[in-house]
Protein backbone atom coordinates (compact mmCIF):
# COMPACT_ATOMS: atom_id res chain seq x y z
CA MET A 1 51.73 -49.90 37.70
CA LYS A 2 48.90 -47.88 39.37
CA ARG A 3 46.70 -50.91 39.44
CA PRO A 4 48.23 -52.97 42.20
CA CYS A 5 48.44 -49.73 44.21
CA LEU A 6 44.86 -49.21 43.82
CA HIS A 7 44.43 -53.22 44.47
CA LYS A 8 46.16 -52.61 47.60
CA ARG A 9 44.08 -49.69 48.89
CA PHE A 10 40.57 -51.52 47.90
CA SER A 11 42.16 -54.74 49.79
CA PHE A 12 42.94 -52.66 52.92
CA VAL A 13 39.52 -50.82 52.98
CA LEU A 14 37.76 -54.34 52.59
CA THR A 15 39.76 -55.58 55.41
CA LEU A 16 38.54 -52.74 57.70
CA LEU A 17 34.99 -52.85 56.72
CA PRO A 18 33.96 -55.53 59.15
CA LEU A 19 35.44 -53.06 62.01
CA THR A 20 33.53 -50.26 60.78
CA VAL A 21 30.36 -52.14 60.33
CA LEU A 22 30.56 -54.20 63.44
CA GLY A 23 32.80 -52.04 65.29
CA ALA A 24 32.27 -49.88 68.17
CA SER A 25 28.99 -48.29 67.08
CA ASN A 26 27.67 -47.19 70.67
CA GLY A 27 29.13 -47.32 74.30
CA THR A 28 27.70 -50.89 74.97
CA ARG A 29 29.64 -52.40 72.05
CA LEU A 30 32.77 -50.17 72.94
CA GLN A 31 32.59 -51.15 76.52
CA SER A 32 32.60 -54.99 75.49
CA TYR A 33 35.66 -54.59 73.50
CA CYS A 34 37.51 -52.44 76.21
CA LYS A 35 36.98 -54.81 79.16
CA ASP A 36 40.16 -56.36 80.34
CA HIS A 37 38.75 -59.71 81.84
CA ARG A 38 41.32 -60.95 84.32
CA GLY A 39 42.18 -64.62 84.29
CA SER A 40 41.10 -66.56 87.39
CA GLY A 41 44.44 -67.87 88.02
CA ALA A 42 46.69 -64.85 87.84
CA GLU A 43 45.17 -61.32 89.20
CA ASN A 44 47.58 -59.21 87.52
CA SER A 45 47.52 -60.88 84.03
CA ALA A 46 45.17 -60.26 81.38
CA ASP A 47 43.44 -62.89 79.38
CA PRO A 48 45.56 -63.31 76.27
CA SER A 49 42.38 -64.25 74.18
CA ARG A 50 41.16 -60.99 74.76
CA ALA A 51 44.19 -59.11 73.17
CA PRO A 52 42.51 -58.57 69.80
CA GLU A 53 39.48 -56.64 71.36
CA ILE A 54 41.55 -54.88 73.61
CA ALA A 55 44.06 -53.68 70.83
CA PHE A 56 40.73 -52.76 68.84
CA CYS A 57 39.57 -50.74 71.69
CA GLU A 58 42.98 -48.79 72.16
CA GLY A 59 43.37 -48.07 68.50
CA TYR A 60 39.82 -46.71 68.43
CA ILE A 61 40.70 -44.36 71.20
CA THR A 62 43.73 -43.50 69.72
CA ALA A 63 42.10 -42.64 66.46
CA ILE A 64 39.22 -40.64 67.80
CA SER A 65 41.96 -38.75 69.93
CA GLU A 66 44.16 -37.97 67.11
CA ALA A 67 41.28 -37.03 64.70
CA ASN A 68 40.08 -34.66 67.30
CA ASN A 69 43.52 -33.14 67.84
CA GLY A 70 43.25 -32.93 71.63
CA MET A 71 40.21 -30.26 71.39
CA GLY A 72 38.98 -30.30 74.81
CA TYR A 73 41.51 -32.31 77.03
CA CYS A 74 45.06 -32.11 77.98
CA ARG A 75 47.38 -34.98 78.40
CA ARG A 76 50.43 -33.98 80.42
CA THR A 77 52.54 -36.93 80.98
CA ALA A 78 54.00 -39.75 78.94
CA ALA A 79 51.64 -42.24 81.08
CA GLU A 80 48.75 -40.35 80.22
CA ARG A 81 49.54 -40.61 76.47
CA SER A 82 49.37 -44.54 76.79
CA PRO A 83 46.72 -46.50 75.09
CA SER A 84 46.20 -48.67 78.22
CA PHE A 85 45.95 -45.53 80.35
CA GLU A 86 43.40 -44.03 78.09
CA ARG A 87 41.65 -47.48 78.01
CA GLU A 88 41.30 -47.66 81.67
CA ALA A 89 39.93 -43.79 81.97
CA LEU A 90 37.02 -44.74 79.33
CA GLN A 91 36.36 -47.88 81.18
CA ARG A 92 35.66 -45.72 84.49
CA PHE A 93 33.80 -43.34 82.45
CA LEU A 94 31.42 -46.08 81.12
CA ILE A 95 31.32 -47.41 84.33
CA ALA A 96 30.23 -44.27 85.96
CA HIS A 97 27.69 -43.39 83.22
CA PRO A 98 25.83 -46.61 82.05
CA GLU A 99 22.78 -44.35 81.07
CA ARG A 100 24.94 -43.17 78.39
CA LEU A 101 25.83 -46.75 76.85
CA HIS A 102 23.42 -45.98 73.97
CA GLU A 103 25.13 -42.95 72.60
CA PRO A 104 27.79 -42.98 69.66
CA ALA A 105 31.06 -44.53 70.81
CA HIS A 106 33.02 -41.63 69.50
CA GLN A 107 31.08 -39.18 71.69
CA LEU A 108 31.73 -41.29 74.51
CA VAL A 109 35.59 -41.40 73.88
CA LEU A 110 35.80 -37.50 73.75
CA ASP A 111 33.59 -37.13 76.87
CA ALA A 112 35.84 -39.56 78.66
CA LEU A 113 38.90 -37.83 77.57
CA ARG A 114 37.68 -34.67 78.58
CA GLN A 115 36.75 -35.77 81.84
CA ASN A 116 39.69 -37.38 82.90
CA PHE A 117 42.38 -35.38 81.22
CA PRO A 118 40.96 -31.35 81.79
CA CYS A 119 42.91 -28.66 80.66
CA LEU A 120 44.07 -26.53 83.64
């Protein structure tokens, strides 16, 4: 009975492997996943073909945030805890600091959260 469970875990790891290898390794790649390109017709609607990249970006930010347990930053409202709000904060940070795009993505996420959500 333990073999099917082991098989499922191994399959799950293999599924995530491309995201780990090809994922957000530095700021340049992270920025490419997190950009919310707007459609040319409707200004307020995001391009639906970008949904997987946006979901990856928001999931990456959430994972880094939860793994660090809020160390060094404080989100006070429910809106500040939303993945899209955090993604927009990261986008602003990356635009303001293009010289840091070569740095590891996880460090940039933490620095963006600390800058945008300082503890009072």
